[in-house]
C-alpha atoms as a PDB file:
ATOM      1  CA  ALA A   1     -29.049 114.740  98.879  1.00  0.00           C
ATOM      2  CA  ILE A   2     -27.667 115.754  95.503  1.00  0.00           C
ATOM      3  CA  SER A   3     -30.153 113.540  93.701  1.00  0.00           C
ATOM      4  CA  SER A   4     -32.970 115.088  95.793  1.00  0.00           C
ATOM      5  CA  TYR A   5     -31.658 118.543  94.911  1.00  0.00           C
ATOM      6  CA  ARG A   6     -31.608 117.649  91.212  1.00  0.00           C
ATOM      7  CA  ALA A   7     -35.138 116.214  91.365  1.00  0.00           C
ATOM      8  CA  VAL A   8     -36.444 119.358  93.108  1.00  0.00           C
ATOM      9  CA  LYS A   9     -34.521 121.581  90.682  1.00  0.00           C
ATOM     10  CA  LYS A  10     -35.955 119.615  87.747  1.00  0.00           C
ATOM     11  CA  ILE A  11     -39.463 120.435  88.988  1.00  0.00           C
ATOM     12  CA  ILE A  12     -38.866 123.994  90.355  1.00  0.00           C
ATOM     13  CA  GLU A  13     -37.027 125.490  87.364  1.00  0.00           C
ATOM     14  CA  PRO A  14     -39.746 124.647  84.780  1.00  0.00           C
ATOM     15  CA  LEU A  15     -42.452 125.805  87.194  1.00  0.00           C
ATOM     16  CA  THR A  16     -40.591 129.096  87.773  1.00  0.00           C
ATOM     17  CA  SER A  17     -40.224 129.507  84.010  1.00  0.00           C
ATOM     18  CA  LEU A  18     -43.929 128.695  83.559  1.00  0.00           C
ATOM     19  CA  VAL A  19     -44.911 131.312  86.187  1.00  0.00           C
ATOM     20  CA  ARG A  20     -42.658 133.901  84.479  1.00  0.00           C
ATOM     21  CA  ASP A  21     -44.257 133.123  81.087  1.00  0.00           C
ATOM     22  CA  ALA A  22     -47.755 133.294  82.625  1.00  0.00           C
ATOM     23  CA  ASP A  23     -46.908 136.756  84.026  1.00  0.00           C
ATOM     24  CA  ILE A  24     -45.872 137.904  80.527  1.00  0.00           C
ATOM     25  CA  ILE A  25     -49.218 136.699  79.173  1.00  0.00           C
ATOM     26  CA  LYS A  26     -51.033 138.300  82.115  1.00  0.00           C
ATOM     27  CA  GLU A  27     -49.486 141.661  81.103  1.00  0.00           C
ATOM     28  CA  GLY A  28     -51.248 141.365  77.738  1.00  0.00           C
ATOM     29  CA  ASN A  29     -48.693 139.725  75.466  1.00  0.00           C
ATOM     30  CA  LEU A  30     -50.939 137.012  74.050  1.00  0.00           C
ATOM     31  CA  LYS A  31     -48.420 136.247  71.287  1.00  0.00           C
ATOM     32  CA  HIS A  32     -45.906 134.957  73.832  1.00  0.00           C
ATOM     33  CA  ARG A  33     -45.278 131.246  73.424  1.00  0.00           C
ATOM     34  CA  ILE A  34     -44.492 129.014  76.388  1.00  0.00           C
ATOM     35  CA  ASP A  35     -42.003 126.294  75.686  1.00  0.00           C
ATOM     36  CA  ILE A  36     -40.612 124.333  78.611  1.00  0.00           C
ATOM     37  CA  ILE A  37     -37.502 122.645  77.271  1.00  0.00           C
ATOM     38  CA  GLU A  38     -36.018 119.447  78.721  1.00  0.00           C
ATOM     39  CA  GLY A  39     -32.582 118.567  77.596  1.00  0.00           C
ATOM     40  CA  PRO A  40     -31.234 119.707  74.255  1.00  0.00           C
ATOM     41  CA  GLN A  41     -34.203 121.577  72.599  1.00  0.00           C
ATOM     42  CA  THR A  42     -36.854 118.949  73.409  1.00  0.00           C
ATOM     43  CA  THR A  43     -40.215 120.023  74.733  1.00  0.00           C
ATOM     44  CA  ARG A  44     -41.193 118.292  77.944  1.00  0.00           C
ATOM     45  CA  ARG A  45     -43.781 115.546  77.632  1.00  0.00           C
ATOM     46  CA  ASP A  46     -44.834 115.431  81.259  1.00  0.00           C
ATOM     47  CA  GLU A  47     -47.541 117.390  83.117  1.00  0.00           C
ATOM     48  CA  ILE A  48     -45.502 120.616  83.048  1.00  0.00           C
ATOM     49  CA  GLY A  49     -45.017 120.253  79.282  1.00  0.00           C
ATOM     50  CA  GLU A  50     -48.737 119.649  78.844  1.00  0.00           C
ATOM     51  CA  LEU A  51     -49.500 122.661  81.038  1.00  0.00           C
ATOM     52  CA  SER A  52     -47.196 124.913  78.988  1.00  0.00           C
ATOM     53  CA  LEU A  53     -48.759 123.603  75.760  1.00  0.00           C
ATOM     54  CA  SER A  54     -52.236 124.284  77.186  1.00  0.00           C
ATOM     55  CA  PHE A  55     -51.191 127.861  78.069  1.00  0.00           C
ATOM     56  CA  SER A  56     -49.857 128.385  74.539  1.00  0.00           C
ATOM     57  CA  ASN A  57     -53.001 126.951  72.958  1.00  0.00           C
ATOM     58  CA  MET A  58     -55.190 129.057  75.253  1.00  0.00           C
ATOM     59  CA  THR A  59     -53.344 132.277  74.350  1.00  0.00           C
ATOM     60  CA  SER A  60     -53.556 131.403  70.635  1.00  0.00           C
ATOM     61  CA  LYS A  61     -57.318 130.859  70.927  1.00  0.00           C
ATOM     62  CA  LEU A  62     -57.727 134.055  72.945  1.00  0.00           C
ATOM     63  CA  LEU A  63     -55.720 135.988  70.369  1.00  0.00           C
ATOM     64  CA  GLU A  64     -57.833 134.530  67.551  1.00  0.00           C
ATOM     65  CA  SER A  65     -61.039 135.381  69.431  1.00  0.00           C
ATOM     66  CA  ILE A  66     -59.855 138.933  70.040  1.00  0.00           C
ATOM     67  CA  GLU A  67     -58.942 139.388  66.369  1.00  0.00           C
ATOM     68  CA  ASN A  68     -62.368 138.067  65.337  1.00  0.00           C
ATOM     69  CA  LEU A  69     -64.053 140.337  67.835  1.00  0.00           C
ATOM     70  CA  GLN A  70     -62.048 143.329  66.587  1.00  0.00           C
ATOM     71  CA  ALA A  71     -63.092 142.508  63.013  1.00  0.00           C
ATOM     72  CA  GLU A  72     -66.743 142.282  64.093  1.00  0.00           C
ATOM     73  CA  VAL A  73     -66.494 145.556  66.010  1.00  0.00           C
ATOM     74  CA  SER A  74     -64.871 147.179  62.987  1.00  0.00           C
ATOM     75  CA  GLU A  75     -67.685 145.919  60.738  1.00  0.00           C
ATOM     76  CA  SER A  76     -70.279 147.082  63.262  1.00  0.00           C
ATOM     77  CA  LEU A  77     -68.703 150.533  63.425  1.00  0.00           C
ATOM     78  CA  LYS A  78     -68.584 150.693  59.634  1.00  0.00           C
ATOM     79  CA  ALA A  79     -72.249 149.652  59.400  1.00  0.00           C
ATOM     80  CA  GLU A  80     -73.165 152.183  62.089  1.00  0.00           C
ATOM     81  CA  ALA A  81     -71.355 154.949  60.180  1.00  0.00           C
ATOM     82  CA  GLU A  82     -73.148 153.974  56.968  1.00  0.00           C
ATOM     83  CA  LEU A  83     -76.458 153.914  58.829  1.00  0.00           C
ATOM     84  CA  LYS A  84     -75.801 157.377  60.279  1.00  0.00           C
ATOM     85  CA  LYS A  85     -74.913 158.648  56.812  1.00  0.00           C
ATOM     86  CA  ALA A  86     -78.087 157.127  55.344  1.00  0.00           C
ATOM     87  CA  HIS A  87     -80.126 158.574  58.217  1.00  0.00           C
ATOM     88  CA  ALA A  88     -78.657 162.039  57.642  1.00  0.00           C
ATOM     89  CA  ASN A  89     -79.327 161.710  53.911  1.00  0.00           C
ATOM     90  CA  LEU A  90     -82.888 160.617  54.610  1.00  0.00           C
ATOM     91  CA  GLU A  91     -83.393 163.565  56.947  1.00  0.00           C
ATOM     92  CA  GLN A  92     -82.139 165.917  54.226  1.00  0.00           C
ATOM     93  CA  GLN A  93     -84.476 164.352  51.689  1.00  0.00           C
ATOM     94  CA  VAL A  94     -87.411 164.616  54.118  1.00  0.00           C
ATOM     95  CA  GLU A  95     -86.586 168.265  54.829  1.00  0.00           C
ATOM     96  CA  LYS A  96     -86.272 169.017  51.111  1.00  0.00           C
ATOM     97  CA  ARG A  97     -89.519 167.207  50.275  1.00  0.00           C
ATOM     98  CA  THR A  98     -91.299 168.892  53.191  1.00  0.00           C
ATOM     99  CA  ALA A  99     -90.144 172.297  51.917  1.00  0.00           C
ATOM    100  CA  GLU A 100     -91.322 171.417  48.391  1.00  0.00           C
ATOM    101  CA  LEU A 101     -94.691 170.236  49.705  1.00  0.00           C
ATOM    102  CA  SER A 102     -95.006 173.363  51.833  1.00  0.00           C
ATOM    103  CA  LYS A 103     -94.312 175.535  48.772  1.00  0.00           C
ATOM    104  CA  SER A 104     -96.808 173.550  46.710  1.00  0.00           C
ATOM    105  CA  ASN A 105     -99.372 173.789  49.488  1.00  0.00           C
ATOM    106  CA  GLU A 106     -98.900 177.567  49.721  1.00  0.00           C
ATOM    107  CA  ALA A 107     -99.272 177.920  45.942  1.00  0.00           C
ATOM    108  CA  LEU A 108    -102.357 175.702  45.977  1.00  0.00           C
ATOM    109  CA  GLN A 109    -103.850 177.650  48.885  1.00  0.00           C
ATOM    110  CA  LYS A 110    -103.231 180.901  46.999  1.00  0.00           C
ATOM    111  CA  GLU A 111    -104.827 179.419  43.888  1.00  0.00           C
ATOM    112  CA  ILE A 112    -107.857 178.289  45.918  1.00  0.00           C
ATOM    113  CA  GLU A 113    -108.208 181.759  47.435  1.00  0.00           C
ATOM    114  CA  GLU A 114    -107.949 183.382  43.990  1.00  0.00           C
ATOM    115  CA  HIS A 115    -110.499 180.912  42.618  1.00  0.00           C
ATOM    116  CA  GLU A 116    -112.890 181.605  45.510  1.00  0.00           C
ATOM    117  CA  LYS A 117    -112.451 185.355  45.020  1.00  0.00           C
ATOM    118  CA  ALA A 118    -113.085 185.046  41.266  1.00  0.00           C
ATOM    119  CA  GLU A 119    -116.099 182.824  41.897  1.00  0.00           C
ATOM    120  CA  LYS A 120    -117.500 185.334  44.386  1.00  0.00           C
ATOM    121  CA  THR A 121    -116.970 188.175  41.900  1.00  0.00           C
ATOM    122  CA  ILE A 122    -118.676 186.183  39.141  1.00  0.00           C
ATOM    123  CA  ASN A 123    -121.531 185.240  41.453  1.00  0.00           C
ATOM    124  CA  ASN A 124    -122.019 188.852  42.569  1.00  0.00           C
ATOM    125  CA  PHE A 125    -122.049 190.002  38.951  1.00  0.00           C
ATOM    126  CA  PHE A 126    -124.133 187.095  37.750  1.00  0.00           C
ATOM    127  CA  GLU A 127    -126.855 187.449  40.358  1.00  0.00           C
ATOM    128  CA  GLN A 128    -127.746 191.079  39.647  1.00  0.00           C
ATOM    129  CA  PRO A 129    -131.542 190.800  39.519  1.00  0.00           C
ATOM    130  CA  MET A 130    -132.205 193.440  36.849  1.00  0.00           C
ATOM    131  CA  ASN A 131    -129.887 191.952  34.214  1.00  0.00           C
ATOM    132  CA  LEU A 132    -130.329 188.746  32.246  1.00  0.00           C
ATOM    133  CA  HIS A 133    -127.225 186.536  32.496  1.00  0.00           C
ATOM    134  CA  VAL A 134    -126.827 183.081  31.018  1.00  0.00           C
ATOM    135  CA  ILE A 135    -123.993 180.568  30.801  1.00  0.00           C
ATOM    136  CA  ALA A 136    -124.336 178.224  27.858  1.00  0.00           C
ATOM    137  CA  GLY A 137    -121.911 175.585  26.637  1.00  0.00           C
ATOM    138  CA  LEU A 138    -120.615 174.730  23.213  1.00  0.00           C
ATOM    139  CA  ASP A 139    -122.972 171.784  23.452  1.00  0.00           C
ATOM    140  CA  GLY A 140    -125.798 174.313  22.876  1.00  0.00           C
ATOM    141  CA  LEU A 141    -127.345 173.822  26.314  1.00  0.00           C
ATOM    142  CA  ILE A 142    -128.051 176.411  28.982  1.00  0.00           C
ATOM    143  CA  HIS A 143    -126.038 175.568  32.112  1.00  0.00           C
ATOM    144  CA  ARG A 144    -126.861 178.494  34.390  1.00  0.00           C
ATOM    145  CA  VAL A 145    -129.198 181.490  34.512  1.00  0.00           C
ATOM    146  CA  ASN A 146    -129.650 184.221  37.091  1.00  0.00           C
ATOM    147  CA  GLN A 147    -132.747 185.394  38.946  1.00  0.00           C
ATOM    148  CA  GLY A 148    -133.213 188.205  36.380  1.00  0.00           C
ATOM    149  CA  TRP A 149    -134.809 185.687  33.998  1.00  0.00           C
ATOM    150  CA  LYS A 150    -137.558 184.995  36.529  1.00  0.00           C
ATOM    151  CA  THR A 151    -137.934 188.682  37.440  1.00  0.00           C
ATOM    152  CA  SER A 152    -137.945 190.037  33.886  1.00  0.00           C
ATOM    153  CA  LEU A 153    -139.375 187.209  31.758  1.00  0.00           C
ATOM    154  CA  GLY A 154    -141.017 184.858  34.246  1.00  0.00           C
ATOM    155  CA  TYR A 155    -138.779 181.829  33.471  1.00  0.00           C
ATOM    156  CA  SER A 156    -137.500 179.873  36.473  1.00  0.00           C
ATOM    157  CA  LYS A 157    -134.029 178.332  36.590  1.00  0.00           C
ATOM    158  CA  ASN A 158    -135.572 174.857  36.314  1.00  0.00           C
ATOM    159  CA  GLU A 159    -137.404 175.816  33.111  1.00  0.00           C
ATOM    160  CA  LEU A 160    -134.230 177.104  31.415  1.00  0.00           C
ATOM    161  CA  GLU A 161    -131.242 175.141  32.658  1.00  0.00           C
ATOM    162  CA  GLY A 162    -130.544 172.039  30.552  1.00  0.00           C
ATOM    163  CA  ARG A 163    -132.515 173.312  27.517  1.00  0.00           C
ATOM    164  CA  ALA A 164    -131.069 174.308  24.120  1.00  0.00           C
ATOM    165  CA  PHE A 165    -130.453 178.038  24.112  1.00  0.00           C
ATOM    166  CA  LEU A 166    -131.371 178.266  20.401  1.00  0.00           C
ATOM    167  CA  ASP A 167    -134.971 177.627  21.558  1.00  0.00           C
ATOM    168  CA  PHE A 168    -134.870 181.174  22.933  1.00  0.00           C
ATOM    169  CA  VAL A 169    -133.136 182.833  19.954  1.00  0.00           C
ATOM    170  CA  HIS A 170    -135.413 184.516  17.402  1.00  0.00           C
ATOM    171  CA  PRO A 171    -135.568 182.473  14.162  1.00  0.00           C
ATOM    172  CA  ASP A 172    -134.156 185.412  12.166  1.00  0.00           C
ATOM    173  CA  ASP A 173    -131.049 185.445  14.430  1.00  0.00           C
ATOM    174  CA  GLN A 174    -130.380 181.705  14.639  1.00  0.00           C
ATOM    175  CA  ALA A 175    -128.057 181.449  11.576  1.00  0.00           C
ATOM    176  CA  ALA A 176    -125.869 184.329  12.815  1.00  0.00           C
ATOM    177  CA  THR A 177    -125.831 182.815  16.340  1.00  0.00           C
ATOM    178  CA  ILE A 178    -124.716 179.417  14.984  1.00  0.00           C
ATOM    179  CA  LYS A 179    -121.960 181.156  12.978  1.00  0.00           C
ATOM    180  CA  GLU A 180    -120.691 182.895  16.117  1.00  0.00           C
ATOM    181  CA  MET A 181    -120.859 179.594  18.008  1.00  0.00           C
ATOM    182  CA  SER A 182    -118.559 177.969  15.414  1.00  0.00           C
ATOM    183  CA  LYS A 183    -116.003 180.751  16.054  1.00  0.00           C
ATOM    184  CA  LEU A 184    -116.139 179.981  19.774  1.00  0.00           C
ATOM    185  CA  GLU A 185    -115.631 176.278  19.084  1.00  0.00           C
ATOM    186  CA  LYS A 186    -112.411 177.194  17.243  1.00  0.00           C
ATOM    187  CA  GLY A 187    -111.230 179.189  20.248  1.00  0.00           C
ATOM    188  CA  LYS A 188    -111.805 182.605  18.690  1.00  0.00           C
ATOM    189  CA  THR A 189    -113.294 185.578  20.509  1.00  0.00           C
ATOM    190  CA  THR A 190    -116.680 186.789  19.325  1.00  0.00           C
ATOM    191  CA  PHE A 191    -118.866 189.771  20.081  1.00  0.00           C
ATOM    192  CA  TYR A 192    -122.466 189.336  19.010  1.00  0.00           C
END
């Protein structure tokens, strides 16, 4: 009976210890090591010893996996924060550029309106039928004439535009006209 008691005790005590250690691990202490000792500081080499070693190895692997996962999560959170920062920066740049483009567009629209207004004023002035108006370039050619030329002198736009304007300047006035043209070529104002 005593030998049966010792045999049962030899099995029950390590199993009880193993259950206690498993409960500690179950509570979240994955660093807890399970060592079932047999005799003076010798780890058991039977099934219970193998089971305790398997538990210890399993908790070590779980702990390593958790640490790796935490590192990955940390990196992911860091990358997410950097992405949010970049996104916010991009949004600011887009807003700034949109404001700049809006300002430029408004200025351009104003310039277009001013140009159209000036063109309309010039056209209204230029097309007065009783006056003779001509636009000639420094190249010596007539670029534009108004209807007054047809009304007053009988020349159509097609007959005048593209021709040398000196063809229509009296020979006595051609030298003075050329002199005034040279002033215009130099950017000076002339009244002739």
